[in-house]
């Protein structure tokens, strides 16, 4: 049986996205730092979904901020 989900938490296990966003807004980190953390989180999330047996990985579920 194929499986699918409509979304997945994107902040990271240790809220990495939240912290890098706040650091970027405060001028303490660069846009490249923000993009790197975001890319790493997306990759990790896709791998977690695949490892959980989800056949249809959703796309366009990432946002830097709500």
PDB file of N, CA and C in Angstrom:
ATOM      1  N   UNK A   1       0.841  -1.172   0.000  1.00  0.00           N
ATOM      2  CA  UNK A   1       0.000   0.000   0.000  1.00  0.00           C
ATOM      3  C   UNK A   1       0.891   1.242   0.000  1.00  0.00           C
ATOM      4  N   UNK A   2       0.606   2.159  -0.878  1.00  0.00           N
ATOM      5  CA  UNK A   2       1.360   3.412  -0.956  1.00  0.00           C
ATOM      6  C   UNK A   2       0.879   4.376   0.121  1.00  0.00           C
ATOM      7  N   UNK A   3       1.786   5.192   0.603  1.00  0.00           N
ATOM      8  CA  UNK A   3       1.422   6.163   1.637  1.00  0.00           C
ATOM      9  C   UNK A   3       1.849   7.570   1.223  1.00  0.00           C
ATOM     10  N   UNK A   4       1.202   8.546   1.857  1.00  0.00           N
ATOM     11  CA  UNK A   4       1.449   9.954   1.556  1.00  0.00           C
ATOM     12  C   UNK A   4       1.098  10.785   2.785  1.00  0.00           C
ATOM     13  N   UNK A   5       1.770  11.888   2.984  1.00  0.00           N
ATOM     14  CA  UNK A   5       1.392  12.844   4.025  1.00  0.00           C
ATOM     15  C   UNK A   5       1.309  14.227   3.383  1.00  0.00           C
ATOM     16  N   UNK A   6       0.606  15.135   4.025  1.00  0.00           N
ATOM     17  CA  UNK A   6       0.440  16.470   3.440  1.00  0.00           C
ATOM     18  C   UNK A   6       1.425  17.495   3.990  1.00  0.00           C
ATOM     19  N   UNK A   7       2.123  17.168   5.041  1.00  0.00           N
ATOM     20  CA  UNK A   7       3.082  18.114   5.593  1.00  0.00           C
ATOM     21  C   UNK A   7       3.956  17.458   6.636  1.00  0.00           C
ATOM     22  N   UNK A   8       4.935  18.207   7.095  1.00  0.00           N
ATOM     23  CA  UNK A   8       5.900  17.670   8.043  1.00  0.00           C
ATOM     24  C   UNK A   8       6.532  18.853   8.771  1.00  0.00           C
ATOM     25  N   UNK A   9       6.797  18.738  10.071  1.00  0.00           N
ATOM     26  CA  UNK A   9       7.440  19.854  10.776  1.00  0.00           C
ATOM     27  C   UNK A   9       8.785  20.201  10.136  1.00  0.00           C
ATOM     28  N   UNK A  10       9.066  21.470   9.993  1.00  0.00           N
ATOM     29  CA  UNK A  10      10.261  21.880   9.261  1.00  0.00           C
ATOM     30  C   UNK A  10      11.282  22.632  10.105  1.00  0.00           C
ATOM     31  N   UNK A  11      11.035  22.859  11.361  1.00  0.00           N
ATOM     32  CA  UNK A  11      11.933  23.659  12.194  1.00  0.00           C
ATOM     33  C   UNK A  11      13.219  22.926  12.569  1.00  0.00           C
ATOM     34  N   UNK A  12      13.220  21.601  12.481  1.00  0.00           N
ATOM     35  CA  UNK A  12      14.382  20.812  12.885  1.00  0.00           C
ATOM     36  C   UNK A  12      14.202  20.284  14.294  1.00  0.00           C
ATOM     37  N   UNK A  13      14.873  19.191  14.583  1.00  0.00           N
ATOM     38  CA  UNK A  13      14.738  18.563  15.896  1.00  0.00           C
ATOM     39  C   UNK A  13      15.161  19.488  17.030  1.00  0.00           C
ATOM     40  N   UNK A  14      16.137  20.326  16.756  1.00  0.00           N
ATOM     41  CA  UNK A  14      16.635  21.264  17.776  1.00  0.00           C
ATOM     42  C   UNK A  14      16.288  22.706  17.407  1.00  0.00           C
ATOM     43  N   UNK A  15      15.242  22.879  16.607  1.00  0.00           N
ATOM     44  CA  UNK A  15      14.741  24.186  16.158  1.00  0.00           C
ATOM     45  C   UNK A  15      15.822  24.991  15.426  1.00  0.00           C
ATOM     46  N   UNK A  16      16.587  24.279  14.609  1.00  0.00           N
ATOM     47  CA  UNK A  16      17.688  24.900  13.881  1.00  0.00           C
ATOM     48  C   UNK A  16      17.227  26.053  12.993  1.00  0.00           C
ATOM     49  N   UNK A  17      16.105  25.873  12.308  1.00  0.00           N
ATOM     50  CA  UNK A  17      15.631  26.921  11.405  1.00  0.00           C
ATOM     51  C   UNK A  17      15.255  28.176  12.179  1.00  0.00           C
ATOM     52  N   UNK A  18      14.596  28.020  13.299  1.00  0.00           N
ATOM     53  CA  UNK A  18      14.219  29.169  14.130  1.00  0.00           C
ATOM     54  C   UNK A  18      15.453  29.965  14.540  1.00  0.00           C
ATOM     55  N   UNK A  19      16.468  29.256  15.014  1.00  0.00           N
ATOM     56  CA  UNK A  19      17.653  29.944  15.513  1.00  0.00           C
ATOM     57  C   UNK A  19      18.459  30.614  14.403  1.00  0.00           C
ATOM     58  N   UNK A  20      18.575  29.963  13.246  1.00  0.00           N
ATOM     59  CA  UNK A  20      19.335  30.589  12.160  1.00  0.00           C
ATOM     60  C   UNK A  20      18.559  31.771  11.584  1.00  0.00           C
ATOM     61  N   UNK A  21      17.235  31.697  11.551  1.00  0.00           N
ATOM     62  CA  UNK A  21      16.430  32.840  11.106  1.00  0.00           C
ATOM     63  C   UNK A  21      16.630  34.040  12.031  1.00  0.00           C
ATOM     64  N   UNK A  22      16.551  33.802  13.323  1.00  0.00           N
ATOM     65  CA  UNK A  22      16.731  34.894  14.284  1.00  0.00           C
ATOM     66  C   UNK A  22      18.138  35.479  14.192  1.00  0.00           C
ATOM     67  N   UNK A  23      19.119  34.629  13.986  1.00  0.00           N
ATOM     68  CA  UNK A  23      20.492  35.085  13.834  1.00  0.00           C
ATOM     69  C   UNK A  23      20.642  35.931  12.568  1.00  0.00           C
ATOM     70  N   UNK A  24      19.999  35.509  11.489  1.00  0.00           N
ATOM     71  CA  UNK A  24      20.035  36.258  10.233  1.00  0.00           C
ATOM     72  C   UNK A  24      19.362  37.620  10.399  1.00  0.00           C
ATOM     73  N   UNK A  25      18.198  37.632  11.025  1.00  0.00           N
ATOM     74  CA  UNK A  25      17.486  38.895  11.247  1.00  0.00           C
ATOM     75  C   UNK A  25      18.295  39.861  12.102  1.00  0.00           C
ATOM     76  N   UNK A  26      19.063  39.331  13.047  1.00  0.00           N
ATOM     77  CA  UNK A  26      19.885  40.169  13.923  1.00  0.00           C
ATOM     78  C   UNK A  26      21.207  40.579  13.271  1.00  0.00           C
ATOM     79  N   UNK A  27      21.457  40.093  12.053  1.00  0.00           N
ATOM     80  CA  UNK A  27      22.689  40.427  11.353  1.00  0.00           C
ATOM     81  C   UNK A  27      23.898  39.644  11.828  1.00  0.00           C
ATOM     82  N   UNK A  28      23.667  38.552  12.542  1.00  0.00           N
ATOM     83  CA  UNK A  28      24.764  37.749  13.090  1.00  0.00           C
ATOM     84  C   UNK A  28      25.169  36.589  12.184  1.00  0.00           C
ATOM     85  N   UNK A  29      24.358  36.304  11.172  1.00  0.00           N
ATOM     86  CA  UNK A  29      24.702  35.260  10.209  1.00  0.00           C
ATOM     87  C   UNK A  29      24.296  35.732   8.818  1.00  0.00           C
ATOM     88  N   UNK A  30      24.847  35.083   7.816  1.00  0.00           N
ATOM     89  CA  UNK A  30      24.630  35.505   6.430  1.00  0.00           C
ATOM     90  C   UNK A  30      23.454  34.769   5.790  1.00  0.00           C
ATOM     91  N   UNK A  31      23.065  35.266   4.622  1.00  0.00           N
ATOM     92  CA  UNK A  31      22.020  34.599   3.846  1.00  0.00           C
ATOM     93  C   UNK A  31      22.486  33.202   3.442  1.00  0.00           C
ATOM     94  N   UNK A  32      23.767  33.057   3.172  1.00  0.00           N
ATOM     95  CA  UNK A  32      24.300  31.733   2.819  1.00  0.00           C
ATOM     96  C   UNK A  32      24.178  30.758   3.984  1.00  0.00           C
ATOM     97  N   UNK A  33      24.398  31.248   5.209  1.00  0.00           N
ATOM     98  CA  UNK A  33      24.222  30.397   6.394  1.00  0.00           C
ATOM     99  C   UNK A  33      22.775  29.924   6.492  1.00  0.00           C
ATOM    100  N   UNK A  34      21.856  30.846   6.286  1.00  0.00           N
ATOM    101  CA  UNK A  34      20.429  30.527   6.343  1.00  0.00           C
ATOM    102  C   UNK A  34      20.058  29.501   5.273  1.00  0.00           C
ATOM    103  N   UNK A  35      20.526  29.727   4.056  1.00  0.00           N
ATOM    104  CA  UNK A  35      20.225  28.801   2.954  1.00  0.00           C
ATOM    105  C   UNK A  35      20.794  27.411   3.213  1.00  0.00           C
ATOM    106  N   UNK A  36      21.993  27.348   3.794  1.00  0.00           N
ATOM    107  CA  UNK A  36      22.631  26.052   4.079  1.00  0.00           C
ATOM    108  C   UNK A  36      21.833  25.261   5.103  1.00  0.00           C
ATOM    109  N   UNK A  37      21.433  25.910   6.192  1.00  0.00           N
ATOM    110  CA  UNK A  37      20.638  25.223   7.217  1.00  0.00           C
ATOM    111  C   UNK A  37      19.313  24.764   6.622  1.00  0.00           C
ATOM    112  N   UNK A  38      18.672  25.621   5.837  1.00  0.00           N
ATOM    113  CA  UNK A  38      17.392  25.264   5.221  1.00  0.00           C
ATOM    114  C   UNK A  38      17.550  24.068   4.279  1.00  0.00           C
ATOM    115  N   UNK A  39      18.587  24.079   3.459  1.00  0.00           N
ATOM    116  CA  UNK A  39      18.818  22.969   2.527  1.00  0.00           C
ATOM    117  C   UNK A  39      19.089  21.668   3.277  1.00  0.00           C
ATOM    118  N   UNK A  40      19.885  21.747   4.332  1.00  0.00           N
ATOM    119  CA  UNK A  40      20.178  20.548   5.129  1.00  0.00           C
ATOM    120  C   UNK A  40      18.913  20.000   5.782  1.00  0.00           C
ATOM    121  N   UNK A  41      18.061  20.894   6.279  1.00  0.00           N
ATOM    122  CA  UNK A  41      16.802  20.452   6.897  1.00  0.00           C
ATOM    123  C   UNK A  41      15.887  19.787   5.874  1.00  0.00           C
ATOM    124  N   UNK A  42      15.756  20.400   4.698  1.00  0.00           N
ATOM    125  CA  UNK A  42      14.896  19.800   3.664  1.00  0.00           C
ATOM    126  C   UNK A  42      15.386  18.401   3.302  1.00  0.00           C
ATOM    127  N   UNK A  43      16.677  18.268   3.100  1.00  0.00           N
ATOM    128  CA  UNK A  43      17.251  16.965   2.760  1.00  0.00           C
ATOM    129  C   UNK A  43      16.993  15.947   3.863  1.00  0.00           C
ATOM    130  N   UNK A  44      17.196  16.351   5.090  1.00  0.00           N
ATOM    131  CA  UNK A  44      16.968  15.463   6.234  1.00  0.00           C
ATOM    132  C   UNK A  44      15.506  15.030   6.319  1.00  0.00           C
ATOM    133  N   UNK A  45      14.608  15.968   6.111  1.00  0.00           N
ATOM    134  CA  UNK A  45      13.171  15.668   6.171  1.00  0.00           C
ATOM    135  C   UNK A  45      12.790  14.676   5.078  1.00  0.00           C
ATOM    136  N   UNK A  46      13.293  14.890   3.866  1.00  0.00           N
ATOM    137  CA  UNK A  46      12.973  13.967   2.771  1.00  0.00           C
ATOM    138  C   UNK A  46      13.492  12.566   3.076  1.00  0.00           C
ATOM    139  N   UNK A  47      14.687  12.474   3.643  1.00  0.00           N
ATOM    140  CA  UNK A  47      15.247  11.165   3.999  1.00  0.00           C
ATOM    141  C   UNK A  47      14.427  10.495   5.102  1.00  0.00           C
ATOM    142  N   UNK A  48      13.991  11.277   6.094  1.00  0.00           N
ATOM    143  CA  UNK A  48      13.170  10.719   7.170  1.00  0.00           C
ATOM    144  C   UNK A  48      11.867  10.157   6.616  1.00  0.00           C
ATOM    145  N   UNK A  49      11.245  10.885   5.708  1.00  0.00           N
ATOM    146  CA  UNK A  49       9.991  10.414   5.110  1.00  0.00           C
ATOM    147  C   UNK A  49      10.223   9.132   4.314  1.00  0.00           C
ATOM    148  N   UNK A  50      11.267   9.116   3.518  1.00  0.00           N
ATOM    149  CA  UNK A  50      11.568   7.929   2.714  1.00  0.00           C
ATOM    150  C   UNK A  50      11.860   6.731   3.614  1.00  0.00           C
ATOM    151  N   UNK A  51      12.617   6.951   4.675  1.00  0.00           N
ATOM    152  CA  UNK A  51      12.941   5.869   5.606  1.00  0.00           C
ATOM    153  C   UNK A  51      11.717   5.370   6.358  1.00  0.00           C
ATOM    154  N   UNK A  52      10.707   6.219   6.493  1.00  0.00           N
ATOM    155  CA  UNK A  52       9.464   5.825   7.162  1.00  0.00           C
ATOM    156  C   UNK A  52       8.538   5.064   6.216  1.00  0.00           C
ATOM    157  N   UNK A  53       8.955   4.916   4.959  1.00  0.00           N
ATOM    158  CA  UNK A  53       8.161   4.162   4.004  1.00  0.00           C
ATOM    159  C   UNK A  53       7.134   4.979   3.248  1.00  0.00           C
ATOM    160  N   UNK A  54       7.227   6.281   3.339  1.00  0.00           N
ATOM    161  CA  UNK A  54       6.284   7.132   2.608  1.00  0.00           C
ATOM    162  C   UNK A  54       6.683   7.118   1.139  1.00  0.00           C
ATOM    163  N   UNK A  55       5.773   6.670   0.297  1.00  0.00           N
ATOM    164  CA  UNK A  55       6.085   6.514  -1.119  1.00  0.00           C
ATOM    165  C   UNK A  55       6.015   7.837  -1.870  1.00  0.00           C
ATOM    166  N   UNK A  56       5.022   8.649  -1.565  1.00  0.00           N
ATOM    167  CA  UNK A  56       4.819   9.912  -2.266  1.00  0.00           C
ATOM    168  C   UNK A  56       5.259  11.061  -1.362  1.00  0.00           C
ATOM    169  N   UNK A  57       6.486  11.502  -1.555  1.00  0.00           N
ATOM    170  CA  UNK A  57       7.053  12.580  -0.745  1.00  0.00           C
ATOM    171  C   UNK A  57       6.454  13.899  -1.234  1.00  0.00           C
ATOM    172  N   UNK A  58       5.839  14.683  -0.333  1.00  0.00           N
ATOM    173  CA  UNK A  58       5.232  15.940  -0.770  1.00  0.00           C
ATOM    174  C   UNK A  58       6.296  16.961  -1.178  1.00  0.00           C
ATOM    175  N   UNK A  59       5.928  17.819  -2.097  1.00  0.00           N
ATOM    176  CA  UNK A  59       6.834  18.887  -2.515  1.00  0.00           C
ATOM    177  C   UNK A  59       6.254  20.235  -2.091  1.00  0.00           C
ATOM    178  N   UNK A  60       7.077  21.236  -2.119  1.00  0.00           N
ATOM    179  CA  UNK A  60       6.671  22.602  -1.784  1.00  0.00           C
ATOM    180  C   UNK A  60       6.058  22.702  -0.391  1.00  0.00           C
ATOM    181  N   UNK A  61       6.642  22.002   0.561  1.00  0.00           N
ATOM    182  CA  UNK A  61       6.139  22.054   1.936  1.00  0.00           C
ATOM    183  C   UNK A  61       7.028  22.916   2.825  1.00  0.00           C
ATOM    184  N   UNK A  62       8.087  23.489   2.253  1.00  0.00           N
ATOM    185  CA  UNK A  62       9.037  24.250   3.065  1.00  0.00           C
ATOM    186  C   UNK A  62       8.768  25.743   2.975  1.00  0.00           C
ATOM    187  N   UNK A  63       8.898  26.412   4.096  1.00  0.00           N
ATOM    188  CA  UNK A  63       8.818  27.865   4.159  1.00  0.00           C
ATOM    189  C   UNK A  63       9.817  28.326   5.214  1.00  0.00           C
ATOM    190  N   UNK A  64      10.465  29.432   4.948  1.00  0.00           N
ATOM    191  CA  UNK A  64      11.390  29.958   5.947  1.00  0.00           C
ATOM    192  C   UNK A  64      10.652  30.485   7.169  1.00  0.00           C
ATOM    193  N   UNK A  65       9.438  30.971   6.945  1.00  0.00           N
ATOM    194  CA  UNK A  65       8.676  31.564   8.045  1.00  0.00           C
ATOM    195  C   UNK A  65       7.198  31.499   7.695  1.00  0.00           C
ATOM    196  N   UNK A  66       6.370  31.338   8.708  1.00  0.00           N
ATOM    197  CA  UNK A  66       4.918  31.283   8.476  1.00  0.00           C
ATOM    198  C   UNK A  66       4.348  32.640   8.187  1.00  0.00           C
TER     199      UNK A  66
END
